[in-house]
């Protein structure tokens, strides 16, 4: 029972949005987790719509080989 609770707590803490989604995006990008980076960049853009977030969203899509998706951003 205690182990199940620990797993639940760990899962819930992973689902919580980061305090600084842009920093999380940079970490994910450096680790080549481009889909995750894109998601964090979307969160950052929702908080503050800066052009750098859109640029980096395009870069994440380029790194995934999704060139057409990158072009429409």
Protein backbone atom coordinates (compact mmCIF):
# COMPACT_ATOMS: atom_id res chain seq x y z
CA UNK A 1 0.00 0.00 0.00
CA UNK A 2 2.81 2.42 0.86
CA UNK A 3 4.62 1.57 -2.38
CA UNK A 4 1.46 2.25 -4.39
CA UNK A 5 1.09 5.61 -2.68
CA UNK A 6 4.72 6.48 -3.46
CA UNK A 7 4.18 5.65 -7.13
CA UNK A 8 1.02 7.79 -7.20
CA UNK A 9 2.83 10.76 -5.64
CA UNK A 10 5.72 10.41 -8.08
CA UNK A 11 3.33 10.25 -11.02
CA UNK A 12 1.40 13.31 -9.90
CA UNK A 13 4.58 15.32 -9.39
CA UNK A 14 5.67 14.47 -12.94
CA UNK A 15 2.37 15.71 -14.31
CA UNK A 16 2.60 19.12 -12.64
CA UNK A 17 3.63 21.89 -15.02
CA UNK A 18 7.10 23.29 -14.40
CA UNK A 19 7.45 26.67 -12.73
CA UNK A 20 9.58 27.86 -15.66
CA UNK A 21 8.47 26.06 -18.83
CA UNK A 22 11.13 27.78 -20.96
CA UNK A 23 13.93 26.45 -18.74
CA UNK A 24 12.30 23.01 -18.90
CA UNK A 25 12.14 23.32 -22.69
CA UNK A 26 15.84 24.14 -22.88
CA UNK A 27 16.70 21.15 -20.70
CA UNK A 28 14.54 18.86 -22.86
CA UNK A 29 16.04 20.29 -26.06
CA UNK A 30 19.59 19.73 -24.81
CA UNK A 31 18.64 16.14 -23.96
CA UNK A 32 17.22 15.75 -27.49
CA UNK A 33 13.68 15.24 -26.21
CA UNK A 34 12.24 17.49 -28.89
CA UNK A 35 8.56 16.61 -28.52
CA UNK A 36 8.78 17.35 -24.80
CA UNK A 37 10.63 20.60 -25.52
CA UNK A 38 7.89 21.62 -27.94
CA UNK A 39 5.24 21.05 -25.28
CA UNK A 40 7.11 23.16 -22.74
CA UNK A 41 7.55 25.90 -25.34
CA UNK A 42 3.79 25.89 -25.93
CA UNK A 43 3.29 26.37 -22.20
CA UNK A 44 5.84 29.20 -22.11
CA UNK A 45 4.15 30.90 -25.08
CA UNK A 46 0.74 30.61 -23.40
CA UNK A 47 2.15 32.42 -20.35
CA UNK A 48 3.98 35.09 -22.34
CA UNK A 49 3.73 35.21 -26.16
CA UNK A 50 7.34 35.95 -27.07
CA UNK A 51 8.66 35.36 -30.62
CA UNK A 52 11.65 33.40 -29.30
CA UNK A 53 9.28 30.66 -28.13
CA UNK A 54 7.79 30.31 -31.62
CA UNK A 55 11.27 30.24 -33.16
CA UNK A 56 12.36 27.49 -30.80
CA UNK A 57 9.14 25.55 -31.43
CA UNK A 58 10.13 25.57 -35.09
CA UNK A 59 13.63 24.39 -34.20
CA UNK A 60 12.17 21.51 -32.18
CA UNK A 61 10.07 20.48 -35.18
CA UNK A 62 13.13 20.72 -37.46
CA UNK A 63 15.10 18.45 -35.15
CA UNK A 64 12.27 15.92 -35.41
CA UNK A 65 12.44 16.09 -39.20
CA UNK A 66 9.00 17.71 -39.31
CA UNK A 67 10.02 20.48 -41.70
CA UNK A 68 6.54 21.32 -42.97
CA UNK A 69 5.28 21.72 -39.40
CA UNK A 70 8.25 23.95 -38.62
CA UNK A 71 7.56 26.11 -41.66
CA UNK A 72 3.99 26.97 -40.65
CA UNK A 73 4.97 28.26 -37.24
